[in-house]
Amino acid sequence: LSGPQGLHCSEPFQSPADLKGRTVRIPY
């Protein structure tokens, strides 16, 4: 077990508005 998981992106972000529409790999 490990956490919190790292959300890592190719471009910077700060808020949900920045992430809206981005495709993300999910593990579970």
mmCIF file of all heavy atoms, coordinates in Angstrom:
data_MODEL
# 
_entry.id   MODEL 
# 
loop_
_atom_site.group_PDB 
_atom_site.id 
_atom_site.type_symbol 
_atom_site.label_atom_id 
_atom_site.label_alt_id 
_atom_site.label_comp_id 
_atom_site.label_asym_id 
_atom_site.label_entity_id 
_atom_site.label_seq_id 
_atom_site.pdbx_PDB_ins_code 
_atom_site.Cartn_x 
_atom_site.Cartn_y 
_atom_site.Cartn_z 
_atom_site.occupancy 
_atom_site.B_iso_or_equiv 
_atom_site.pdbx_formal_charge 
_atom_site.auth_seq_id 
_atom_site.auth_comp_id 
_atom_site.auth_asym_id 
_atom_site.auth_atom_id 
_atom_site.pdbx_PDB_model_num 
ATOM 1   N N   . LEU A 1 1  ? 0.855   -1.176 0.000   1.00 0.00 ? 1  LEU A N   1 
ATOM 2   C CA  . LEU A 1 1  ? 0.000   0.000  0.000   1.00 0.00 ? 1  LEU A CA  1 
ATOM 3   C C   . LEU A 1 1  ? 0.893   1.228  0.000   1.00 0.00 ? 1  LEU A C   1 
ATOM 4   O O   . LEU A 1 1  ? 1.953   1.228  0.622   1.00 0.00 ? 1  LEU A O   1 
ATOM 5   C CB  . LEU A 1 1  ? -0.912  -0.003 1.230   1.00 0.00 ? 1  LEU A CB  1 
ATOM 6   C CG  . LEU A 1 1  ? -1.870  1.175  1.400   1.00 0.00 ? 1  LEU A CG  1 
ATOM 7   C CD1 . LEU A 1 1  ? -3.187  0.706  2.001   1.00 0.00 ? 1  LEU A CD1 1 
ATOM 8   C CD2 . LEU A 1 1  ? -1.256  2.237  2.317   1.00 0.00 ? 1  LEU A CD2 1 
ATOM 9   N N   . SER A 1 2  ? 0.474   2.268  -0.709  1.00 0.00 ? 2  SER A N   1 
ATOM 10  C CA  . SER A 1 2  ? 1.152   3.554  -0.618  1.00 0.00 ? 2  SER A CA  1 
ATOM 11  C C   . SER A 1 2  ? 0.157   4.655  -0.937  1.00 0.00 ? 2  SER A C   1 
ATOM 12  O O   . SER A 1 2  ? -0.801  4.442  -1.667  1.00 0.00 ? 2  SER A O   1 
ATOM 13  C CB  . SER A 1 2  ? 2.339   3.633  -1.583  1.00 0.00 ? 2  SER A CB  1 
ATOM 14  O OG  . SER A 1 2  ? 1.913   3.559  -2.929  1.00 0.00 ? 2  SER A OG  1 
ATOM 15  N N   . GLY A 1 3  ? 0.396   5.809  -0.362  1.00 0.00 ? 3  GLY A N   1 
ATOM 16  C CA  . GLY A 1 3  ? -0.496  6.919  -0.615  1.00 0.00 ? 3  GLY A CA  1 
ATOM 17  C C   . GLY A 1 3  ? -0.059  8.162  0.163   1.00 0.00 ? 3  GLY A C   1 
ATOM 18  O O   . GLY A 1 3  ? 0.712   8.060  1.124   1.00 0.00 ? 3  GLY A O   1 
ATOM 19  N N   . PRO A 1 4  ? -0.496  9.320  -0.240  1.00 0.00 ? 4  PRO A N   1 
ATOM 20  C CA  . PRO A 1 4  ? -1.345  9.539  -1.402  1.00 0.00 ? 4  PRO A CA  1 
ATOM 21  C C   . PRO A 1 4  ? -0.581  9.286  -2.705  1.00 0.00 ? 4  PRO A C   1 
ATOM 22  O O   . PRO A 1 4  ? 0.639   9.425  -2.764  1.00 0.00 ? 4  PRO A O   1 
ATOM 23  C CB  . PRO A 1 4  ? -1.736  11.015 -1.280  1.00 0.00 ? 4  PRO A CB  1 
ATOM 24  C CG  . PRO A 1 4  ? -0.624  11.632 -0.489  1.00 0.00 ? 4  PRO A CG  1 
ATOM 25  C CD  . PRO A 1 4  ? -0.171  10.566 0.467   1.00 0.00 ? 4  PRO A CD  1 
ATOM 26  N N   . GLN A 1 5  ? -1.328  8.895  -3.723  1.00 0.00 ? 5  GLN A N   1 
ATOM 27  C CA  . GLN A 1 5  ? -0.737  8.643  -5.023  1.00 0.00 ? 5  GLN A CA  1 
ATOM 28  C C   . GLN A 1 5  ? -0.316  9.956  -5.688  1.00 0.00 ? 5  GLN A C   1 
ATOM 29  O O   . GLN A 1 5  ? -0.872  11.016 -5.407  1.00 0.00 ? 5  GLN A O   1 
ATOM 30  C CB  . GLN A 1 5  ? -1.759  7.927  -5.924  1.00 0.00 ? 5  GLN A CB  1 
ATOM 31  C CG  . GLN A 1 5  ? -2.264  6.604  -5.362  1.00 0.00 ? 5  GLN A CG  1 
ATOM 32  C CD  . GLN A 1 5  ? -1.260  5.485  -5.533  1.00 0.00 ? 5  GLN A CD  1 
ATOM 33  O OE1 . GLN A 1 5  ? -1.073  4.970  -6.622  1.00 0.00 ? 5  GLN A OE1 1 
ATOM 34  N NE2 . GLN A 1 5  ? -0.594  5.106  -4.447  1.00 0.00 ? 5  GLN A NE2 1 
ATOM 35  N N   . GLY A 1 6  ? 0.654   9.856  -6.567  1.00 0.00 ? 6  GLY A N   1 
ATOM 36  C CA  . GLY A 1 6  ? 1.108   11.036 -7.294  1.00 0.00 ? 6  GLY A CA  1 
ATOM 37  C C   . GLY A 1 6  ? 0.329   11.221 -8.586  1.00 0.00 ? 6  GLY A C   1 
ATOM 38  O O   . GLY A 1 6  ? 0.269   10.316 -9.423  1.00 0.00 ? 6  GLY A O   1 
ATOM 39  N N   . LEU A 1 7  ? -0.285  12.383 -8.746  1.00 0.00 ? 7  LEU A N   1 
ATOM 40  C CA  . LEU A 1 7  ? -0.932  12.751 -10.006 1.00 0.00 ? 7  LEU A CA  1 
ATOM 41  C C   . LEU A 1 7  ? 0.099   13.547 -10.797 1.00 0.00 ? 7  LEU A C   1 
ATOM 42  O O   . LEU A 1 7  ? 0.426   14.687 -10.429 1.00 0.00 ? 7  LEU A O   1 
ATOM 43  C CB  . LEU A 1 7  ? -2.187  13.578 -9.741  1.00 0.00 ? 7  LEU A CB  1 
ATOM 44  C CG  . LEU A 1 7  ? -2.898  14.145 -10.972 1.00 0.00 ? 7  LEU A CG  1 
ATOM 45  C CD1 . LEU A 1 7  ? -3.404  13.027 -11.878 1.00 0.00 ? 7  LEU A CD1 1 
ATOM 46  C CD2 . LEU A 1 7  ? -4.051  15.066 -10.553 1.00 0.00 ? 7  LEU A CD2 1 
ATOM 47  N N   . HIS A 1 8  ? 0.630   12.961 -11.853 1.00 0.00 ? 8  HIS A N   1 
ATOM 48  C CA  . HIS A 1 8  ? 1.709   13.613 -12.598 1.00 0.00 ? 8  HIS A CA  1 
ATOM 49  C C   . HIS A 1 8  ? 1.284   13.846 -14.045 1.00 0.00 ? 8  HIS A C   1 
ATOM 50  O O   . HIS A 1 8  ? 0.708   12.966 -14.693 1.00 0.00 ? 8  HIS A O   1 
ATOM 51  C CB  . HIS A 1 8  ? 3.001   12.794 -12.525 1.00 0.00 ? 8  HIS A CB  1 
ATOM 52  C CG  . HIS A 1 8  ? 2.865   11.353 -12.907 1.00 0.00 ? 8  HIS A CG  1 
ATOM 53  N ND1 . HIS A 1 8  ? 3.324   10.837 -14.104 1.00 0.00 ? 8  HIS A ND1 1 
ATOM 54  C CD2 . HIS A 1 8  ? 2.325   10.308 -12.232 1.00 0.00 ? 8  HIS A CD2 1 
ATOM 55  C CE1 . HIS A 1 8  ? 3.082   9.542  -14.154 1.00 0.00 ? 8  HIS A CE1 1 
ATOM 56  N NE2 . HIS A 1 8  ? 2.482   9.191  -13.027 1.00 0.00 ? 8  HIS A NE2 1 
ATOM 57  N N   . CYS A 1 9  ? 1.567   15.049 -14.538 1.00 0.00 ? 9  CYS A N   1 
ATOM 58  C CA  . CYS A 1 9  ? 1.077   15.475 -15.847 1.00 0.00 ? 9  CYS A CA  1 
ATOM 59  C C   . CYS A 1 9  ? 2.212   16.065 -16.688 1.00 0.00 ? 9  CYS A C   1 
ATOM 60  O O   . CYS A 1 9  ? 3.223   16.534 -16.156 1.00 0.00 ? 9  CYS A O   1 
ATOM 61  C CB  . CYS A 1 9  ? -0.015  16.536 -15.690 1.00 0.00 ? 9  CYS A CB  1 
ATOM 62  S SG  . CYS A 1 9  ? -1.494  15.950 -14.833 1.00 0.00 ? 9  CYS A SG  1 
ATOM 63  N N   . SER A 1 10 ? 1.983   16.059 -17.980 1.00 0.00 ? 10 SER A N   1 
ATOM 64  C CA  . SER A 1 10 ? 2.975   16.615 -18.895 1.00 0.00 ? 10 SER A CA  1 
ATOM 65  C C   . SER A 1 10 ? 2.986   18.132 -18.883 1.00 0.00 ? 10 SER A C   1 
ATOM 66  O O   . SER A 1 10 ? 3.984   18.757 -19.240 1.00 0.00 ? 10 SER A O   1 
ATOM 67  C CB  . SER A 1 10 ? 2.700   16.108 -20.318 1.00 0.00 ? 10 SER A CB  1 
ATOM 68  O OG  . SER A 1 10 ? 1.370   16.413 -20.699 1.00 0.00 ? 10 SER A OG  1 
ATOM 69  N N   . GLU A 1 11 ? 1.863   18.740 -18.461 1.00 0.00 ? 11 GLU A N   1 
ATOM 70  C CA  . GLU A 1 11 ? 1.750   20.194 -18.389 1.00 0.00 ? 11 GLU A CA  1 
ATOM 71  C C   . GLU A 1 11 ? 1.346   20.600 -16.974 1.00 0.00 ? 11 GLU A C   1 
ATOM 72  O O   . GLU A 1 11 ? 0.673   19.840 -16.272 1.00 0.00 ? 11 GLU A O   1 
ATOM 73  C CB  . GLU A 1 11 ? 0.715   20.716 -19.390 1.00 0.00 ? 11 GLU A CB  1 
ATOM 74  C CG  . GLU A 1 11 ? 1.046   20.415 -20.846 1.00 0.00 ? 11 GLU A CG  1 
ATOM 75  C CD  . GLU A 1 11 ? 2.278   21.157 -21.331 1.00 0.00 ? 11 GLU A CD  1 
ATOM 76  O OE1 . GLU A 1 11 ? 2.588   22.230 -20.750 1.00 0.00 ? 11 GLU A OE1 1 
ATOM 77  O OE2 . GLU A 1 11 ? 2.937   20.678 -22.270 1.00 0.00 ? 11 GLU A OE2 1 
ATOM 78  N N   . PRO A 1 12 ? 1.719   21.794 -16.532 1.00 0.00 ? 12 PRO A N   1 
ATOM 79  C CA  . PRO A 1 12 ? 1.379   22.213 -15.164 1.00 0.00 ? 12 PRO A CA  1 
ATOM 80  C C   . PRO A 1 12 ? -0.121  22.367 -14.966 1.00 0.00 ? 12 PRO A C   1 
ATOM 81  O O   . PRO A 1 12 ? -0.889  22.509 -15.920 1.00 0.00 ? 12 PRO A O   1 
ATOM 82  C CB  . PRO A 1 12 ? 2.113   23.550 -15.019 1.00 0.00 ? 12 PRO A CB  1 
ATOM 83  C CG  . PRO A 1 12 ? 2.332   24.035 -16.407 1.00 0.00 ? 12 PRO A CG  1 
ATOM 84  C CD  . PRO A 1 12 ? 2.505   22.813 -17.259 1.00 0.00 ? 12 PRO A CD  1 
ATOM 85  N N   . PHE A 1 13 ? -0.538  22.359 -13.714 1.00 0.00 ? 13 PHE A N   1 
ATOM 86  C CA  . PHE A 1 13 ? -1.947  22.499 -13.346 1.00 0.00 ? 13 PHE A CA  1 
ATOM 87  C C   . PHE A 1 13 ? -2.014  22.994 -11.923 1.00 0.00 ? 13 PHE A C   1 
ATOM 88  O O   . PHE A 1 13 ? -1.052  22.907 -11.166 1.00 0.00 ? 13 PHE A O   1 
ATOM 89  C CB  . PHE A 1 13 ? -2.682  21.164 -13.495 1.00 0.00 ? 13 PHE A CB  1 
ATOM 90  C CG  . PHE A 1 13 ? -2.107  20.054 -12.643 1.00 0.00 ? 13 PHE A CG  1 
ATOM 91  C CD1 . PHE A 1 13 ? -2.627  19.771 -11.384 1.00 0.00 ? 13 PHE A CD1 1 
ATOM 92  C CD2 . PHE A 1 13 ? -1.029  19.303 -13.095 1.00 0.00 ? 13 PHE A CD2 1 
ATOM 93  C CE1 . PHE A 1 13 ? -2.094  18.767 -10.598 1.00 0.00 ? 13 PHE A CE1 1 
ATOM 94  C CE2 . PHE A 1 13 ? -0.477  18.291 -12.313 1.00 0.00 ? 13 PHE A CE2 1 
ATOM 95  C CZ  . PHE A 1 13 ? -1.010  18.015 -11.066 1.00 0.00 ? 13 PHE A CZ  1 
ATOM 96  N N   . GLN A 1 14 ? -3.178  23.510 -11.549 1.00 0.00 ? 14 GLN A N   1 
ATOM 97  C CA  . GLN A 1 14 ? -3.358  24.007 -10.193 1.00 0.00 ? 14 GLN A CA  1 
ATOM 98  C C   . GLN A 1 14 ? -4.731  23.658 -9.642  1.00 0.00 ? 14 GLN A C   1 
ATOM 99  O O   . GLN A 1 14 ? -4.882  23.350 -8.473  1.00 0.00 ? 14 GLN A O   1 
ATOM 100 C CB  . GLN A 1 14 ? -3.172  25.532 -10.151 1.00 0.00 ? 14 GLN A CB  1 
ATOM 101 C CG  . GLN A 1 14 ? -2.984  26.101 -8.753  1.00 0.00 ? 14 GLN A CG  1 
ATOM 102 C CD  . GLN A 1 14 ? -1.616  25.766 -8.164  1.00 0.00 ? 14 GLN A CD  1 
ATOM 103 O OE1 . GLN A 1 14 ? -0.609  25.804 -8.864  1.00 0.00 ? 14 GLN A OE1 1 
ATOM 104 N NE2 . GLN A 1 14 ? -1.587  25.436 -6.878  1.00 0.00 ? 14 GLN A NE2 1 
ATOM 105 N N   . SER A 1 15 ? -5.732  23.691 -10.502 1.00 0.00 ? 15 SER A N   1 
ATOM 106 C CA  . SER A 1 15 ? -7.116  23.561 -10.061 1.00 0.00 ? 15 SER A CA  1 
ATOM 107 C C   . SER A 1 15 ? -7.858  22.546 -10.933 1.00 0.00 ? 15 SER A C   1 
ATOM 108 O O   . SER A 1 15 ? -7.355  22.132 -11.991 1.00 0.00 ? 15 SER A O   1 
ATOM 109 C CB  . SER A 1 15 ? -7.815  24.916 -10.161 1.00 0.00 ? 15 SER A CB  1 
ATOM 110 O OG  . SER A 1 15 ? -7.957  25.283 -11.530 1.00 0.00 ? 15 SER A OG  1 
ATOM 111 N N   . PRO A 1 16 ? -9.059  22.131 -10.521 1.00 0.00 ? 16 PRO A N   1 
ATOM 112 C CA  . PRO A 1 16 ? -9.862  21.253 -11.377 1.00 0.00 ? 16 PRO A CA  1 
ATOM 113 C C   . PRO A 1 16 ? -10.119 21.841 -12.758 1.00 0.00 ? 16 PRO A C   1 
ATOM 114 O O   . PRO A 1 16 ? -10.201 21.093 -13.746 1.00 0.00 ? 16 PRO A O   1 
ATOM 115 C CB  . PRO A 1 16 ? -11.162 21.103 -10.578 1.00 0.00 ? 16 PRO A CB  1 
ATOM 116 C CG  . PRO A 1 16 ? -10.743 21.263 -9.157  1.00 0.00 ? 16 PRO A CG  1 
ATOM 117 C CD  . PRO A 1 16 ? -9.670  22.309 -9.189  1.00 0.00 ? 16 PRO A CD  1 
ATOM 118 N N   . ALA A 1 17 ? -10.228 23.167 -12.838 1.00 0.00 ? 17 ALA A N   1 
ATOM 119 C CA  . ALA A 1 17 ? -10.449 23.791 -14.156 1.00 0.00 ? 17 ALA A CA  1 
ATOM 120 C C   . ALA A 1 17 ? -9.280  23.514 -15.098 1.00 0.00 ? 17 ALA A C   1 
ATOM 121 O O   . ALA A 1 17 ? -9.476  23.330 -16.310 1.00 0.00 ? 17 ALA A O   1 
ATOM 122 C CB  . ALA A 1 17 ? -10.638 25.298 -13.977 1.00 0.00 ? 17 ALA A CB  1 
ATOM 123 N N   . ASP A 1 18 ? -8.071  23.449 -14.547 1.00 0.00 ? 18 ASP A N   1 
ATOM 124 C CA  . ASP A 1 18 ? -6.890  23.155 -15.370 1.00 0.00 ? 18 ASP A CA  1 
ATOM 125 C C   . ASP A 1 18 ? -6.892  21.711 -15.863 1.00 0.00 ? 18 ASP A C   1 
ATOM 126 O O   . ASP A 1 18 ? -6.333  21.403 -16.923 1.00 0.00 ? 18 ASP A O   1 
ATOM 127 C CB  . ASP A 1 18 ? -5.608  23.409 -14.579 1.00 0.00 ? 18 ASP A CB  1 
ATOM 128 C CG  . ASP A 1 18 ? -5.474  24.850 -14.128 1.00 0.00 ? 18 ASP A CG  1 
ATOM 129 O OD1 . ASP A 1 18 ? -5.949  25.748 -14.847 1.00 0.00 ? 18 ASP A OD1 1 
ATOM 130 O OD2 . ASP A 1 18 ? -4.917  25.071 -13.033 1.00 0.00 ? 18 ASP A OD2 1 
ATOM 131 N N   . LEU A 1 19 ? -7.471  20.810 -15.070 1.00 0.00 ? 19 LEU A N   1 
ATOM 132 C CA  . LEU A 1 19 ? -7.442  19.383 -15.387 1.00 0.00 ? 19 LEU A CA  1 
ATOM 133 C C   . LEU A 1 19 ? -8.647  18.926 -16.200 1.00 0.00 ? 19 LEU A C   1 
ATOM 134 O O   . LEU A 1 19 ? -8.634  17.809 -16.744 1.00 0.00 ? 19 LEU A O   1 
ATOM 135 C CB  . LEU A 1 19 ? -7.381  18.566 -14.095 1.00 0.00 ? 19 LEU A CB  1 
ATOM 136 C CG  . LEU A 1 19 ? -6.089  18.713 -13.275 1.00 0.00 ? 19 LEU A CG  1 
ATOM 137 C CD1 . LEU A 1 19 ? -6.242  18.005 -11.936 1.00 0.00 ? 19 LEU A CD1 1 
ATOM 138 C CD2 . LEU A 1 19 ? -4.890  18.155 -14.037 1.00 0.00 ? 19 LEU A CD2 1 
ATOM 139 N N   . LYS A 1 20 ? -9.654  19.739 -16.297 1.00 0.00 ? 20 LYS A N   1 
ATOM 140 C CA  . LYS A 1 20 ? -10.877 19.342 -16.987 1.00 0.00 ? 20 LYS A CA  1 
ATOM 141 C C   . LYS A 1 20 ? -10.582 18.938 -18.426 1.00 0.00 ? 20 LYS A C   1 
ATOM 142 O O   . LYS A 1 20 ? -9.945  19.674 -19.178 1.00 0.00 ? 20 LYS A O   1 
ATOM 143 C CB  . LYS A 1 20 ? -11.891 20.486 -16.972 1.00 0.00 ? 20 LYS A CB  1 
ATOM 144 C CG  . LYS A 1 20 ? -13.256 20.083 -17.535 1.00 0.00 ? 20 LYS A CG  1 
ATOM 145 C CD  . LYS A 1 20 ? -14.255 21.208 -17.380 1.00 0.00 ? 20 LYS A CD  1 
ATOM 146 C CE  . LYS A 1 20 ? -15.638 20.779 -17.899 1.00 0.00 ? 20 LYS A CE  1 
ATOM 147 N NZ  . LYS A 1 20 ? -16.638 21.861 -17.748 1.00 0.00 ? 20 LYS A NZ  1 
ATOM 148 N N   . GLY A 1 21 ? -11.026 17.740 -18.776 1.00 0.00 ? 21 GLY A N   1 
ATOM 149 C CA  . GLY A 1 21 ? -10.841 17.237 -20.131 1.00 0.00 ? 21 GLY A CA  1 
ATOM 150 C C   . GLY A 1 21 ? -9.553  16.478 -20.352 1.00 0.00 ? 21 GLY A C   1 
ATOM 151 O O   . GLY A 1 21 ? -9.385  15.828 -21.393 1.00 0.00 ? 21 GLY A O   1 
ATOM 152 N N   . ARG A 1 22 ? -8.636  16.517 -19.409 1.00 0.00 ? 22 ARG A N   1 
ATOM 153 C CA  . ARG A 1 22 ? -7.387  15.781 -19.582 1.00 0.00 ? 22 ARG A CA  1 
ATOM 154 C C   . ARG A 1 22 ? -7.637  14.279 -19.360 1.00 0.00 ? 22 ARG A C   1 
ATOM 155 O O   . ARG A 1 22 ? -8.407  13.877 -18.497 1.00 0.00 ? 22 ARG A O   1 
ATOM 156 C CB  . ARG A 1 22 ? -6.308  16.269 -18.611 1.00 0.00 ? 22 ARG A CB  1 
ATOM 157 C CG  . ARG A 1 22 ? -5.837  17.690 -18.858 1.00 0.00 ? 22 ARG A CG  1 
ATOM 158 C CD  . ARG A 1 22 ? -4.546  17.964 -18.113 1.00 0.00 ? 22 ARG A CD  1 
ATOM 159 N NE  . ARG A 1 22 ? -4.266  19.391 -18.015 1.00 0.00 ? 22 ARG A NE  1 
ATOM 160 C CZ  . ARG A 1 22 ? -3.161  19.902 -17.480 1.00 0.00 ? 22 ARG A CZ  1 
ATOM 161 N NH1 . ARG A 1 22 ? -2.241  19.094 -16.986 1.00 0.00 ? 22 ARG A NH1 1 
ATOM 162 N NH2 . ARG A 1 22 ? -2.982  21.216 -17.433 1.00 0.00 ? 22 ARG A NH2 1 
ATOM 163 N N   . THR A 1 23 ? -6.944  13.469 -20.135 1.00 0.00 ? 23 THR A N   1 
ATOM 164 C CA  . THR A 1 23 ? -7.031  12.020 -19.996 1.00 0.00 ? 23 THR A CA  1 
ATOM 165 C C   . THR A 1 23 ? -5.961  11.552 -19.017 1.00 0.00 ? 23 THR A C   1 
ATOM 166 O O   . THR A 1 23 ? -4.793  11.941 -19.121 1.00 0.00 ? 23 THR A O   1 
ATOM 167 C CB  . THR A 1 23 ? -6.824  11.328 -21.352 1.00 0.00 ? 23 THR A CB  1 
ATOM 168 O OG1 . THR A 1 23 ? -7.815  11.793 -22.270 1.00 0.00 ? 23 THR A OG1 1 
ATOM 169 C CG2 . THR A 1 23 ? -6.941  9.819  -21.209 1.00 0.00 ? 23 THR A CG2 1 
ATOM 170 N N   . VAL A 1 24 ? -6.363  10.704 -18.070 1.00 0.00 ? 24 VAL A N   1 
ATOM 171 C CA  . VAL A 1 24 ? -5.454  10.295 -17.005 1.00 0.00 ? 24 VAL A CA  1 
ATOM 172 C C   . VAL A 1 24 ? -5.442  8.779  -16.878 1.00 0.00 ? 24 VAL A C   1 
ATOM 173 O O   . VAL A 1 24 ? -6.490  8.129  -16.949 1.00 0.00 ? 24 VAL A O   1 
ATOM 174 C CB  . VAL A 1 24 ? -5.847  10.954 -15.666 1.00 0.00 ? 24 VAL A CB  1 
ATOM 175 C CG1 . VAL A 1 24 ? -7.285  10.625 -15.270 1.00 0.00 ? 24 VAL A CG1 1 
ATOM 176 C CG2 . VAL A 1 24 ? -4.885  10.560 -14.543 1.00 0.00 ? 24 VAL A CG2 1 
ATOM 177 N N   . ARG A 1 25 ? -4.280  8.218  -16.695 1.00 0.00 ? 25 ARG A N   1 
ATOM 178 C CA  . ARG A 1 25 ? -4.157  6.791  -16.428 1.00 0.00 ? 25 ARG A CA  1 
ATOM 179 C C   . ARG A 1 25 ? -4.625  6.521  -15.006 1.00 0.00 ? 25 ARG A C   1 
ATOM 180 O O   . ARG A 1 25 ? -4.227  7.189  -14.063 1.00 0.00 ? 25 ARG A O   1 
ATOM 181 C CB  . ARG A 1 25 ? -2.703  6.340  -16.573 1.00 0.00 ? 25 ARG A CB  1 
ATOM 182 C CG  . ARG A 1 25 ? -2.492  4.856  -16.232 1.00 0.00 ? 25 ARG A CG  1 
ATOM 183 C CD  . ARG A 1 25 ? -1.973  4.617  -14.843 1.00 0.00 ? 25 ARG A CD  1 
ATOM 184 N NE  . ARG A 1 25 ? -1.837  3.161  -14.598 1.00 0.00 ? 25 ARG A NE  1 
ATOM 185 C CZ  . ARG A 1 25 ? -1.353  2.617  -13.504 1.00 0.00 ? 25 ARG A CZ  1 
ATOM 186 N NH1 . ARG A 1 25 ? -0.973  3.391  -12.501 1.00 0.00 ? 25 ARG A NH1 1 
ATOM 187 N NH2 . ARG A 1 25 ? -1.274  1.308  -13.361 1.00 0.00 ? 25 ARG A NH2 1 
ATOM 188 N N   . ILE A 1 26 ? -5.503  5.524  -14.859 1.00 0.00 ? 26 ILE A N   1 
ATOM 189 C CA  . ILE A 1 26 ? -5.998  5.181  -13.529 1.00 0.00 ? 26 ILE A CA  1 
ATOM 190 C C   . ILE A 1 26 ? -5.615  3.725  -13.216 1.00 0.00 ? 26 ILE A C   1 
ATOM 191 O O   . ILE A 1 26 ? -5.626  2.866  -14.095 1.00 0.00 ? 26 ILE A O   1 
ATOM 192 C CB  . ILE A 1 26 ? -7.522  5.404  -13.402 1.00 0.00 ? 26 ILE A CB  1 
ATOM 193 C CG1 . ILE A 1 26 ? -8.292  4.679  -14.501 1.00 0.00 ? 26 ILE A CG1 1 
ATOM 194 C CG2 . ILE A 1 26 ? -7.838  6.884  -13.431 1.00 0.00 ? 26 ILE A CG2 1 
ATOM 195 C CD1 . ILE A 1 26 ? -8.847  3.351  -14.099 1.00 0.00 ? 26 ILE A CD1 1 
ATOM 196 N N   . PRO A 1 27 ? -5.272  3.432  -11.945 1.00 0.00 ? 27 PRO A N   1 
ATOM 197 C CA  . PRO A 1 27 ? -4.834  2.088  -11.581 1.00 0.00 ? 27 PRO A CA  1 
ATOM 198 C C   . PRO A 1 27 ? -5.900  1.215  -10.922 1.00 0.00 ? 27 PRO A C   1 
ATOM 199 O O   . PRO A 1 27 ? -5.718  0.006  -10.821 1.00 0.00 ? 27 PRO A O   1 
ATOM 200 C CB  . PRO A 1 27 ? -3.694  2.361  -10.595 1.00 0.00 ? 27 PRO A CB  1 
ATOM 201 C CG  . PRO A 1 27 ? -4.085  3.655  -9.935  1.00 0.00 ? 27 PRO A CG  1 
ATOM 202 C CD  . PRO A 1 27 ? -4.888  4.436  -10.937 1.00 0.00 ? 27 PRO A CD  1 
ATOM 203 N N   . TYR A 1 28 ? -7.004  1.817  -10.445 1.00 0.00 ? 28 TYR A N   1 
ATOM 204 C CA  . TYR A 1 28 ? -8.036  1.039  -9.754  1.00 0.00 ? 28 TYR A CA  1 
ATOM 205 C C   . TYR A 1 28 ? -9.331  1.850  -9.759  1.00 0.00 ? 28 TYR A C   1 
ATOM 206 O O   . TYR A 1 28 ? -9.331  3.063  -10.006 1.00 0.00 ? 28 TYR A O   1 
ATOM 207 C CB  . TYR A 1 28 ? -7.620  0.691  -8.311  1.00 0.00 ? 28 TYR A CB  1 
ATOM 208 C CG  . TYR A 1 28 ? -6.940  1.803  -7.572  1.00 0.00 ? 28 TYR A CG  1 
ATOM 209 C CD1 . TYR A 1 28 ? -7.671  2.810  -6.952  1.00 0.00 ? 28 TYR A CD1 1 
ATOM 210 C CD2 . TYR A 1 28 ? -5.548  1.854  -7.479  1.00 0.00 ? 28 TYR A CD2 1 
ATOM 211 C CE1 . TYR A 1 28 ? -7.050  3.848  -6.274  1.00 0.00 ? 28 TYR A CE1 1 
ATOM 212 C CE2 . TYR A 1 28 ? -4.917  2.885  -6.800  1.00 0.00 ? 28 TYR A CE2 1 
ATOM 213 C CZ  . TYR A 1 28 ? -5.676  3.868  -6.200  1.00 0.00 ? 28 TYR A CZ  1 
ATOM 214 O OH  . TYR A 1 28 ? -5.052  4.882  -5.533  1.00 0.00 ? 28 TYR A OH  1 
# 
